[in-house]
């Protein structure tokens, strides 16, 4: 049997916690997965997985074998990259990215990258919750943060998103148009709960572009708090209040006059986009090239 394939199967069984999920991912049967596990247990001379009809758990030997699997797969990827560094990319690139950012910004760039490397498979995991990179099978995560709390992670800045304040004509007709940042305290504001400035929006003086002036904050509140920016866009269109969102998310709504950009006495602070990956694991060439592609595309955009 193919020992390396068995190592790959075991790694994903461990990370997914299920024979069935691993079989689905590799498009094979549970019987094939089970056969490889028995082969690995015979090869190592140890019981690696305790399993019954409903659950599985890993023995101490299984836990150590998972660490071995990570090492073998990373060393194999590094070797293949080194002997074919100028060849076409292949294999699978696993990316974790927030939902709104994926749909409005990342998806077109992913399509372009895939067209440039037709042998590559891309698996995009969309979630607004932060994804753990350790033991998840994710090569890199796209996040709007600068310094990961986990010191073992590396964050590479890709570019920045311009954020704008918007509201519907209906809302502005009934509530009035704010002229200053301080006016926002008296308005209904729509809150993105996962932002670092969720309830205290950050601004910079007009003309500063957020580069040489420290941002200042203004406390806001309103009728809707959500962990997805596109929901807030829909709420703004429906007239619920003022939203602070990246311009890239609302180009069509602005063009159709469903939303109007508010011009105040200060500018919303930009939000940088970062590629985050683990310092403890080898970064495949496909991930390195994707990061370079994103950085060039976002900086030029």
C-alpha atoms as a PDB file:
ATOM      1  CA  UNK A   1       0.000   0.000   0.000  1.00  0.00           C
ATOM      2  CA  UNK A   2       1.034   3.613  -0.510  1.00  0.00           C
ATOM      3  CA  UNK A   3       2.524   4.652   2.828  1.00  0.00           C
ATOM      4  CA  UNK A   4       2.524   8.386   2.007  1.00  0.00           C
ATOM      5  CA  UNK A   5      -1.143   8.231   1.054  1.00  0.00           C
ATOM      6  CA  UNK A   6      -1.823   6.528   4.370  1.00  0.00           C
ATOM      7  CA  UNK A   7      -0.012   9.349   6.159  1.00  0.00           C
ATOM      8  CA  UNK A   8      -2.169  11.911   4.318  1.00  0.00           C
ATOM      9  CA  UNK A   9      -5.338   9.988   5.211  1.00  0.00           C
ATOM     10  CA  UNK A  10      -4.390   9.761   8.890  1.00  0.00           C
ATOM     11  CA  UNK A  11      -3.594  13.475   9.064  1.00  0.00           C
ATOM     12  CA  UNK A  12      -7.054  14.422   7.819  1.00  0.00           C
ATOM     13  CA  UNK A  13      -8.816  11.793   9.996  1.00  0.00           C
ATOM     14  CA  UNK A  14      -7.144  13.436  12.976  1.00  0.00           C
ATOM     15  CA  UNK A  15      -8.014  16.987  11.882  1.00  0.00           C
ATOM     16  CA  UNK A  16     -11.598  16.198  10.857  1.00  0.00           C
ATOM     17  CA  UNK A  17     -12.264  13.732  13.676  1.00  0.00           C
ATOM     18  CA  UNK A  18     -14.117  11.381  11.373  1.00  0.00           C
ATOM     19  CA  UNK A  19     -13.466   8.504   8.988  1.00  0.00           C
ATOM     20  CA  UNK A  20     -16.501   9.519   6.938  1.00  0.00           C
ATOM     21  CA  UNK A  21     -15.400  13.169   6.583  1.00  0.00           C
ATOM     22  CA  UNK A  22     -11.934  12.064   5.472  1.00  0.00           C
ATOM     23  CA  UNK A  23     -13.423   9.614   2.983  1.00  0.00           C
ATOM     24  CA  UNK A  24     -15.654  12.349   1.567  1.00  0.00           C
ATOM     25  CA  UNK A  25     -12.708  14.718   1.207  1.00  0.00           C
ATOM     26  CA  UNK A  26     -10.560  12.138  -0.604  1.00  0.00           C
ATOM     27  CA  UNK A  27     -13.565  10.836  -2.578  1.00  0.00           C
ATOM     28  CA  UNK A  28     -13.134   7.256  -1.473  1.00  0.00           C
ATOM     29  CA  UNK A  29     -15.062   4.826   0.737  1.00  0.00           C
ATOM     30  CA  UNK A  30     -14.904   4.381   4.493  1.00  0.00           C
ATOM     31  CA  UNK A  31     -13.598   0.896   3.809  1.00  0.00           C
ATOM     32  CA  UNK A  32     -10.547   2.313   2.039  1.00  0.00           C
ATOM     33  CA  UNK A  33      -9.843   4.710   4.923  1.00  0.00           C
ATOM     34  CA  UNK A  34     -10.208   1.882   7.456  1.00  0.00           C
ATOM     35  CA  UNK A  35      -7.915  -0.351   5.410  1.00  0.00           C
ATOM     36  CA  UNK A  36      -5.190   2.303   5.439  1.00  0.00           C
ATOM     37  CA  UNK A  37      -5.537   2.819   9.190  1.00  0.00           C
ATOM     38  CA  UNK A  38      -5.094  -0.924   9.771  1.00  0.00           C
ATOM     39  CA  UNK A  39      -2.063  -0.817   7.467  1.00  0.00           C
ATOM     40  CA  UNK A  40      -0.525   2.046   9.464  1.00  0.00           C
ATOM     41  CA  UNK A  41      -1.219   0.316  12.753  1.00  0.00           C
ATOM     42  CA  UNK A  42       0.436  -2.827  11.434  1.00  0.00           C
ATOM     43  CA  UNK A  43       3.397  -0.811  10.147  1.00  0.00           C
ATOM     44  CA  UNK A  44       3.921   1.066  13.414  1.00  0.00           C
ATOM     45  CA  UNK A  45       3.079  -1.920  15.612  1.00  0.00           C
ATOM     46  CA  UNK A  46       0.766   0.293  17.677  1.00  0.00           C
ATOM     47  CA  UNK A  47      -2.934   0.952  18.017  1.00  0.00           C
ATOM     48  CA  UNK A  48      -3.419   4.509  16.758  1.00  0.00           C
ATOM     49  CA  UNK A  49      -7.197   5.040  16.918  1.00  0.00           C
ATOM     50  CA  UNK A  50      -9.887   3.792  19.281  1.00  0.00           C
ATOM     51  CA  UNK A  51     -13.115   3.552  17.342  1.00  0.00           C
ATOM     52  CA  UNK A  52     -16.658   2.319  17.728  1.00  0.00           C
ATOM     53  CA  UNK A  53     -19.839   2.786  15.744  1.00  0.00           C
ATOM     54  CA  UNK A  54     -20.242   6.436  16.813  1.00  0.00           C
ATOM     55  CA  UNK A  55     -16.980   8.024  17.864  1.00  0.00           C
ATOM     56  CA  UNK A  56     -13.224   7.841  17.452  1.00  0.00           C
ATOM     57  CA  UNK A  57     -10.422   8.858  19.780  1.00  0.00           C
ATOM     58  CA  UNK A  58      -6.660   8.810  19.405  1.00  0.00           C
ATOM     59  CA  UNK A  59      -4.243   6.857  21.541  1.00  0.00           C
ATOM     60  CA  UNK A  60      -1.037   8.412  22.825  1.00  0.00           C
ATOM     61  CA  UNK A  61       0.712   6.655  19.933  1.00  0.00           C
ATOM     62  CA  UNK A  62      -1.866   8.142  17.559  1.00  0.00           C
ATOM     63  CA  UNK A  63      -1.191  11.642  18.875  1.00  0.00           C
ATOM     64  CA  UNK A  64       2.546  11.187  18.290  1.00  0.00           C
ATOM     65  CA  UNK A  65       1.925   9.666  14.875  1.00  0.00           C
ATOM     66  CA  UNK A  66      -0.079  12.748  13.848  1.00  0.00           C
ATOM     67  CA  UNK A  67       2.964  14.924  14.615  1.00  0.00           C
ATOM     68  CA  UNK A  68       5.021  12.549  12.488  1.00  0.00           C
ATOM     69  CA  UNK A  69       2.476  12.863   9.649  1.00  0.00           C
ATOM     70  CA  UNK A  70       2.754  16.664   9.702  1.00  0.00           C
ATOM     71  CA  UNK A  71       6.538  16.439   9.493  1.00  0.00           C
ATOM     72  CA  UNK A  72       6.518  13.925   6.629  1.00  0.00           C
ATOM     73  CA  UNK A  73       3.961  15.850   4.546  1.00  0.00           C
ATOM     74  CA  UNK A  74       5.777  19.161   5.043  1.00  0.00           C
ATOM     75  CA  UNK A  75       9.175  17.651   4.187  1.00  0.00           C
ATOM     76  CA  UNK A  76       7.712  16.014   1.083  1.00  0.00           C
ATOM     77  CA  UNK A  77       6.131  19.298  -0.054  1.00  0.00           C
ATOM     78  CA  UNK A  78       9.416  21.129   0.511  1.00  0.00           C
ATOM     79  CA  UNK A  79      11.341  18.545  -1.485  1.00  0.00           C
ATOM     80  CA  UNK A  80       8.874  18.644  -4.389  1.00  0.00           C
ATOM     81  CA  UNK A  81       8.953  22.434  -4.427  1.00  0.00           C
ATOM     82  CA  UNK A  82      12.749  22.479  -4.464  1.00  0.00           C
ATOM     83  CA  UNK A  83      13.085  20.113  -7.425  1.00  0.00           C
ATOM     84  CA  UNK A  84      10.336  21.812  -9.441  1.00  0.00           C
ATOM     85  CA  UNK A  85      10.559  25.418  -8.324  1.00  0.00           C
ATOM     86  CA  UNK A  86       9.966  26.770 -11.812  1.00  0.00           C
ATOM     87  CA  UNK A  87       7.289  24.262 -12.808  1.00  0.00           C
ATOM     88  CA  UNK A  88       3.521  24.551 -12.770  1.00  0.00           C
ATOM     89  CA  UNK A  89       1.800  24.674  -9.416  1.00  0.00           C
ATOM     90  CA  UNK A  90      -0.220  21.627  -8.415  1.00  0.00           C
ATOM     91  CA  UNK A  91      -1.799  20.158  -5.320  1.00  0.00           C
ATOM     92  CA  UNK A  92      -4.357  21.859  -3.097  1.00  0.00           C
ATOM     93  CA  UNK A  93      -4.202  25.379  -1.674  1.00  0.00           C
ATOM     94  CA  UNK A  94      -6.452  25.786   1.382  1.00  0.00           C
ATOM     95  CA  UNK A  95      -7.467  29.368   2.221  1.00  0.00           C
ATOM     96  CA  UNK A  96      -9.587  30.637   5.123  1.00  0.00           C
ATOM     97  CA  UNK A  97     -11.201  34.026   4.558  1.00  0.00           C
ATOM     98  CA  UNK A  98     -14.100  36.118   5.948  1.00  0.00           C
ATOM     99  CA  UNK A  99     -17.380  35.707   4.062  1.00  0.00           C
ATOM    100  CA  UNK A 100     -17.878  39.285   2.843  1.00  0.00           C
ATOM    101  CA  UNK A 101     -14.238  39.761   1.904  1.00  0.00           C
ATOM    102  CA  UNK A 102     -14.272  36.446   0.041  1.00  0.00           C
ATOM    103  CA  UNK A 103     -17.347  37.297  -1.997  1.00  0.00           C
ATOM    104  CA  UNK A 104     -16.509  40.913  -2.838  1.00  0.00           C
ATOM    105  CA  UNK A 105     -12.701  40.977  -3.044  1.00  0.00           C
ATOM    106  CA  UNK A 106     -11.037  37.582  -2.805  1.00  0.00           C
ATOM    107  CA  UNK A 107     -13.160  35.506  -5.194  1.00  0.00           C
ATOM    108  CA  UNK A 108     -12.200  37.382  -8.411  1.00  0.00           C
ATOM    109  CA  UNK A 109      -8.525  37.235  -7.409  1.00  0.00           C
ATOM    110  CA  UNK A 110      -8.752  33.521  -6.640  1.00  0.00           C
ATOM    111  CA  UNK A 111     -10.300  32.940 -10.070  1.00  0.00           C
ATOM    112  CA  UNK A 112      -7.435  34.820 -11.744  1.00  0.00           C
ATOM    113  CA  UNK A 113      -4.808  32.898  -9.799  1.00  0.00           C
ATOM    114  CA  UNK A 114      -6.423  29.559 -10.631  1.00  0.00           C
ATOM    115  CA  UNK A 115      -6.543  30.447 -14.345  1.00  0.00           C
ATOM    116  CA  UNK A 116      -2.806  31.105 -14.224  1.00  0.00           C
ATOM    117  CA  UNK A 117      -2.181  27.683 -12.637  1.00  0.00           C
ATOM    118  CA  UNK A 118      -4.720  25.227 -14.078  1.00  0.00           C
ATOM    119  CA  UNK A 119      -3.211  22.214 -12.256  1.00  0.00           C
ATOM    120  CA  UNK A 120      -3.938  23.772  -8.862  1.00  0.00           C
ATOM    121  CA  UNK A 121      -6.963  22.981  -6.699  1.00  0.00           C
ATOM    122  CA  UNK A 122      -8.146  25.740  -4.352  1.00  0.00           C
ATOM    123  CA  UNK A 123     -10.299  25.063  -1.302  1.00  0.00           C
ATOM    124  CA  UNK A 124     -11.818  28.245   0.132  1.00  0.00           C
ATOM    125  CA  UNK A 125     -13.188  28.110   3.669  1.00  0.00           C
ATOM    126  CA  UNK A 126     -15.405  31.149   4.266  1.00  0.00           C
ATOM    127  CA  UNK A 127     -16.095  32.176   7.845  1.00  0.00           C
ATOM    128  CA  UNK A 128     -16.148  35.464   9.739  1.00  0.00           C
ATOM    129  CA  UNK A 129     -14.863  33.651  12.825  1.00  0.00           C
ATOM    130  CA  UNK A 130     -11.091  33.391  13.198  1.00  0.00           C
ATOM    131  CA  UNK A 131      -9.802  30.051  11.952  1.00  0.00           C
ATOM    132  CA  UNK A 132      -7.156  28.177  13.917  1.00  0.00           C
ATOM    133  CA  UNK A 133      -4.254  27.409  11.593  1.00  0.00           C
ATOM    134  CA  UNK A 134      -2.795  24.662  13.754  1.00  0.00           C
ATOM    135  CA  UNK A 135      -4.173  21.231  12.865  1.00  0.00           C
ATOM    136  CA  UNK A 136      -6.850  22.629  10.526  1.00  0.00           C
ATOM    137  CA  UNK A 137      -5.249  21.861   7.172  1.00  0.00           C
ATOM    138  CA  UNK A 138      -5.383  25.580   6.250  1.00  0.00           C
ATOM    139  CA  UNK A 139      -2.315  26.904   4.396  1.00  0.00           C
ATOM    140  CA  UNK A 140      -3.065  30.561   5.077  1.00  0.00           C
ATOM    141  CA  UNK A 141      -5.820  32.762   6.420  1.00  0.00           C
ATOM    142  CA  UNK A 142      -6.866  36.186   5.160  1.00  0.00           C
ATOM    143  CA  UNK A 143      -7.600  38.529   8.059  1.00  0.00           C
ATOM    144  CA  UNK A 144      -8.113  42.200   8.776  1.00  0.00           C
ATOM    145  CA  UNK A 145      -5.664  42.281  11.672  1.00  0.00           C
ATOM    146  CA  UNK A 146      -2.078  43.348  12.087  1.00  0.00           C
ATOM    147  CA  UNK A 147      -0.662  41.379  14.993  1.00  0.00           C
ATOM    148  CA  UNK A 148      -1.959  37.852  15.593  1.00  0.00           C
ATOM    149  CA  UNK A 149      -2.421  37.021  19.276  1.00  0.00           C
ATOM    150  CA  UNK A 150      -0.565  33.739  18.689  1.00  0.00           C
ATOM    151  CA  UNK A 151       3.119  34.697  18.525  1.00  0.00           C
ATOM    152  CA  UNK A 152       3.882  31.617  16.411  1.00  0.00           C
ATOM    153  CA  UNK A 153       1.948  33.104  13.467  1.00  0.00           C
ATOM    154  CA  UNK A 154       3.297  35.423  10.779  1.00  0.00           C
ATOM    155  CA  UNK A 155       1.171  38.211   9.277  1.00  0.00           C
ATOM    156  CA  UNK A 156       2.103  39.596   5.846  1.00  0.00           C
ATOM    157  CA  UNK A 157       0.380  42.833   4.834  1.00  0.00           C
ATOM    158  CA  UNK A 158      -1.324  42.536   1.447  1.00  0.00           C
ATOM    159  CA  UNK A 159      -2.932  45.953   1.081  1.00  0.00           C
ATOM    160  CA  UNK A 160      -5.680  48.146   2.524  1.00  0.00           C
ATOM    161  CA  UNK A 161      -9.397  48.609   2.032  1.00  0.00           C
ATOM    162  CA  UNK A 162     -10.948  52.075   1.925  1.00  0.00           C
ATOM    163  CA  UNK A 163     -13.945  52.232   4.241  1.00  0.00           C
ATOM    164  CA  UNK A 164     -16.852  54.593   3.719  1.00  0.00           C
ATOM    165  CA  UNK A 165     -19.903  55.698   5.668  1.00  0.00           C
ATOM    166  CA  UNK A 166     -23.150  55.091   3.791  1.00  0.00           C
ATOM    167  CA  UNK A 167     -26.876  55.369   4.324  1.00  0.00           C
ATOM    168  CA  UNK A 168     -29.960  55.065   2.163  1.00  0.00           C
ATOM    169  CA  UNK A 169     -31.805  58.100   0.783  1.00  0.00           C
ATOM    170  CA  UNK A 170     -34.801  56.957   2.864  1.00  0.00           C
ATOM    171  CA  UNK A 171     -32.835  57.047   6.113  1.00  0.00           C
ATOM    172  CA  UNK A 172     -31.248  60.423   5.345  1.00  0.00           C
ATOM    173  CA  UNK A 173     -34.631  61.922   4.481  1.00  0.00           C
ATOM    174  CA  UNK A 174     -36.082  60.890   7.836  1.00  0.00           C
ATOM    175  CA  UNK A 175     -33.074  61.267  10.175  1.00  0.00           C
ATOM    176  CA  UNK A 176     -31.096  64.024   8.466  1.00  0.00           C
ATOM    177  CA  UNK A 177     -27.564  63.938   7.076  1.00  0.00           C
ATOM    178  CA  UNK A 178     -24.663  64.002   9.566  1.00  0.00           C
ATOM    179  CA  UNK A 179     -22.030  66.618   8.767  1.00  0.00           C
ATOM    180  CA  UNK A 180     -19.421  65.852  11.422  1.00  0.00           C
ATOM    181  CA  UNK A 181     -18.075  62.734  13.088  1.00  0.00           C
ATOM    182  CA  UNK A 182     -19.625  63.883  16.364  1.00  0.00           C
ATOM    183  CA  UNK A 183     -23.051  63.892  14.689  1.00  0.00           C
ATOM    184  CA  UNK A 184     -22.831  60.097  14.453  1.00  0.00           C
ATOM    185  CA  UNK A 185     -23.521  59.841  18.177  1.00  0.00           C
ATOM    186  CA  UNK A 186     -27.093  60.976  17.455  1.00  0.00           C
ATOM    187  CA  UNK A 187     -27.685  58.545  14.570  1.00  0.00           C
ATOM    188  CA  UNK A 188     -28.626  54.905  14.204  1.00  0.00           C
ATOM    189  CA  UNK A 189     -25.415  53.054  13.318  1.00  0.00           C
ATOM    190  CA  UNK A 190     -25.075  49.483  12.080  1.00  0.00           C
ATOM    191  CA  UNK A 191     -22.341  47.561  13.889  1.00  0.00           C
ATOM    192  CA  UNK A 192     -19.982  44.908  12.518  1.00  0.00           C
ATOM    193  CA  UNK A 193     -19.346  42.947  15.703  1.00  0.00           C
ATOM    194  CA  UNK A 194     -16.003  41.408  14.691  1.00  0.00           C
ATOM    195  CA  UNK A 195     -14.283  44.686  13.828  1.00  0.00           C
ATOM    196  CA  UNK A 196     -11.565  46.007  16.105  1.00  0.00           C
ATOM    197  CA  UNK A 197     -13.549  49.284  16.230  1.00  0.00           C
ATOM    198  CA  UNK A 198     -16.974  47.690  16.448  1.00  0.00           C
ATOM    199  CA  UNK A 199     -18.675  50.159  18.806  1.00  0.00           C
ATOM    200  CA  UNK A 200     -16.165  52.999  18.576  1.00  0.00           C
ATOM    201  CA  UNK A 201     -15.484  53.831  14.934  1.00  0.00           C
ATOM    202  CA  UNK A 202     -12.001  55.083  14.056  1.00  0.00           C
ATOM    203  CA  UNK A 203     -11.336  58.171  11.949  1.00  0.00           C
ATOM    204  CA  UNK A 204      -8.381  60.222  10.758  1.00  0.00           C
ATOM    205  CA  UNK A 205      -8.335  63.928   9.854  1.00  0.00           C
ATOM    206  CA  UNK A 206      -9.437  64.618   6.285  1.00  0.00           C
ATOM    207  CA  UNK A 207      -6.440  64.499   3.978  1.00  0.00           C
ATOM    208  CA  UNK A 208      -4.351  62.356   6.311  1.00  0.00           C
ATOM    209  CA  UNK A 209      -5.319  59.044   4.657  1.00  0.00           C
ATOM    210  CA  UNK A 210      -4.476  57.339   7.942  1.00  0.00           C
ATOM    211  CA  UNK A 211      -0.715  57.475   7.373  1.00  0.00           C
ATOM    212  CA  UNK A 212       0.791  60.231   9.493  1.00  0.00           C
ATOM    213  CA  UNK A 213      -1.972  60.942  11.992  1.00  0.00           C
ATOM    214  CA  UNK A 214      -3.108  58.722  14.826  1.00  0.00           C
ATOM    215  CA  UNK A 215      -6.762  57.718  14.503  1.00  0.00           C
ATOM    216  CA  UNK A 216      -9.370  58.938  16.951  1.00  0.00           C
ATOM    217  CA  UNK A 217     -12.560  57.148  17.945  1.00  0.00           C
ATOM    218  CA  UNK A 218     -16.219  58.074  18.219  1.00  0.00           C
ATOM    219  CA  UNK A 219     -18.621  55.853  20.140  1.00  0.00           C
ATOM    220  CA  UNK A 220     -21.605  54.672  18.082  1.00  0.00           C
ATOM    221  CA  UNK A 221     -24.687  52.552  18.684  1.00  0.00           C
ATOM    222  CA  UNK A 222     -27.695  51.384  16.765  1.00  0.00           C
ATOM    223  CA  UNK A 223     -30.431  48.856  16.067  1.00  0.00           C
ATOM    224  CA  UNK A 224     -28.399  46.039  14.487  1.00  0.00           C
ATOM    225  CA  UNK A 225     -25.191  44.228  15.379  1.00  0.00           C
ATOM    226  CA  UNK A 226     -24.033  41.476  12.994  1.00  0.00           C
ATOM    227  CA  UNK A 227     -20.911  39.433  12.291  1.00  0.00           C
ATOM    228  CA  UNK A 228     -21.289  39.741   8.514  1.00  0.00           C
ATOM    229  CA  UNK A 229     -20.760  43.003   6.631  1.00  0.00           C
ATOM    230  CA  UNK A 230     -23.080  42.149   3.741  1.00  0.00           C
ATOM    231  CA  UNK A 231     -25.984  41.867   6.178  1.00  0.00           C
ATOM    232  CA  UNK A 232     -25.188  45.403   7.305  1.00  0.00           C
ATOM    233  CA  UNK A 233     -25.153  46.574   3.684  1.00  0.00           C
ATOM    234  CA  UNK A 234     -28.654  45.133   3.197  1.00  0.00           C
ATOM    235  CA  UNK A 235     -29.775  46.766   6.440  1.00  0.00           C
ATOM    236  CA  UNK A 236     -28.461  50.138   5.281  1.00  0.00           C
ATOM    237  CA  UNK A 237     -30.287  49.781   1.960  1.00  0.00           C
ATOM    238  CA  UNK A 238     -33.455  48.977   3.925  1.00  0.00           C
ATOM    239  CA  UNK A 239     -33.077  52.275   5.805  1.00  0.00           C
ATOM    240  CA  UNK A 240     -32.128  50.956   9.250  1.00  0.00           C
ATOM    241  CA  UNK A 241     -29.189  53.284   9.694  1.00  0.00           C
ATOM    242  CA  UNK A 242     -25.615  54.236   8.778  1.00  0.00           C
ATOM    243  CA  UNK A 243     -23.058  51.550   7.923  1.00  0.00           C
ATOM    244  CA  UNK A 244     -19.261  51.703   7.929  1.00  0.00           C
ATOM    245  CA  UNK A 245     -18.113  49.236   5.259  1.00  0.00           C
ATOM    246  CA  UNK A 246     -15.360  48.810   2.663  1.00  0.00           C
ATOM    247  CA  UNK A 247     -16.132  50.639  -0.577  1.00  0.00           C
ATOM    248  CA  UNK A 248     -15.462  47.399  -2.478  1.00  0.00           C
ATOM    249  CA  UNK A 249     -18.576  45.878  -0.893  1.00  0.00           C
ATOM    250  CA  UNK A 250     -21.030  48.550  -2.098  1.00  0.00           C
ATOM    251  CA  UNK A 251     -19.952  49.700  -5.554  1.00  0.00           C
ATOM    252  CA  UNK A 252     -23.226  48.619  -7.151  1.00  0.00           C
ATOM    253  CA  UNK A 253     -25.404  50.071  -4.387  1.00  0.00           C
ATOM    254  CA  UNK A 254     -23.649  53.432  -4.788  1.00  0.00           C
ATOM    255  CA  UNK A 255     -24.035  53.316  -8.562  1.00  0.00           C
ATOM    256  CA  UNK A 256     -27.762  52.533  -8.231  1.00  0.00           C
ATOM    257  CA  UNK A 257     -28.256  55.286  -5.596  1.00  0.00           C
ATOM    258  CA  UNK A 258     -29.500  52.712  -3.113  1.00  0.00           C
ATOM    259  CA  UNK A 259     -26.800  54.015  -0.785  1.00  0.00           C
ATOM    260  CA  UNK A 260     -25.116  57.403  -0.553  1.00  0.00           C
ATOM    261  CA  UNK A 261     -21.633  58.112   0.724  1.00  0.00           C
ATOM    262  CA  UNK A 262     -21.485  60.519   3.667  1.00  0.00           C
ATOM    263  CA  UNK A 263     -18.870  63.297   3.585  1.00  0.00           C
ATOM    264  CA  UNK A 264     -17.894  64.255   7.125  1.00  0.00           C
ATOM    265  CA  UNK A 265     -15.104  66.331   8.645  1.00  0.00           C
ATOM    266  CA  UNK A 266     -12.858  63.231   8.967  1.00  0.00           C
ATOM    267  CA  UNK A 267     -12.227  60.014   7.055  1.00  0.00           C
ATOM    268  CA  UNK A 268     -12.826  56.463   8.291  1.00  0.00           C
ATOM    269  CA  UNK A 269      -9.516  54.769   9.070  1.00  0.00           C
ATOM    270  CA  UNK A 270      -8.547  52.212   6.452  1.00  0.00           C
ATOM    271  CA  UNK A 271      -8.392  48.529   7.273  1.00  0.00           C
ATOM    272  CA  UNK A 272      -5.321  46.555   6.234  1.00  0.00           C
ATOM    273  CA  UNK A 273      -5.613  43.014   4.898  1.00  0.00           C
ATOM    274  CA  UNK A 274      -3.082  40.401   5.988  1.00  0.00           C
ATOM    275  CA  UNK A 275      -2.165  36.879   4.978  1.00  0.00           C
ATOM    276  CA  UNK A 276      -1.547  34.892   8.151  1.00  0.00           C
ATOM    277  CA  UNK A 277       0.277  31.588   8.281  1.00  0.00           C
ATOM    278  CA  UNK A 278       2.027  29.411  10.810  1.00  0.00           C
ATOM    279  CA  UNK A 279       5.710  29.948  11.496  1.00  0.00           C
ATOM    280  CA  UNK A 280       5.991  26.390  12.757  1.00  0.00           C
ATOM    281  CA  UNK A 281       5.003  24.755   9.465  1.00  0.00           C
ATOM    282  CA  UNK A 282       6.579  24.871   6.038  1.00  0.00           C
ATOM    283  CA  UNK A 283       4.782  27.280   3.705  1.00  0.00           C
ATOM    284  CA  UNK A 284       4.227  25.567   0.322  1.00  0.00           C
ATOM    285  CA  UNK A 285       5.351  27.315  -2.836  1.00  0.00           C
ATOM    286  CA  UNK A 286       1.731  27.589  -4.005  1.00  0.00           C
ATOM    287  CA  UNK A 287       0.912  29.586  -0.848  1.00  0.00           C
ATOM    288  CA  UNK A 288       3.973  31.806  -1.231  1.00  0.00           C
ATOM    289  CA  UNK A 289       3.091  32.626  -4.847  1.00  0.00           C
ATOM    290  CA  UNK A 290      -0.531  33.285  -3.918  1.00  0.00           C
ATOM    291  CA  UNK A 291       0.566  35.758  -1.232  1.00  0.00           C
ATOM    292  CA  UNK A 292       2.813  37.542  -3.757  1.00  0.00           C
ATOM    293  CA  UNK A 293      -0.078  37.640  -6.258  1.00  0.00           C
ATOM    294  CA  UNK A 294      -2.502  39.078  -3.699  1.00  0.00           C
ATOM    295  CA  UNK A 295      -0.036  41.712  -2.563  1.00  0.00           C
ATOM    296  CA  UNK A 296       0.606  42.882  -6.141  1.00  0.00           C
ATOM    297  CA  UNK A 297      -3.110  42.904  -6.974  1.00  0.00           C
ATOM    298  CA  UNK A 298      -4.298  44.697  -3.840  1.00  0.00           C
ATOM    299  CA  UNK A 299      -1.528  47.274  -3.799  1.00  0.00           C
ATOM    300  CA  UNK A 300      -2.142  48.136  -7.459  1.00  0.00           C
ATOM    301  CA  UNK A 301      -5.888  48.266  -6.845  1.00  0.00           C
END
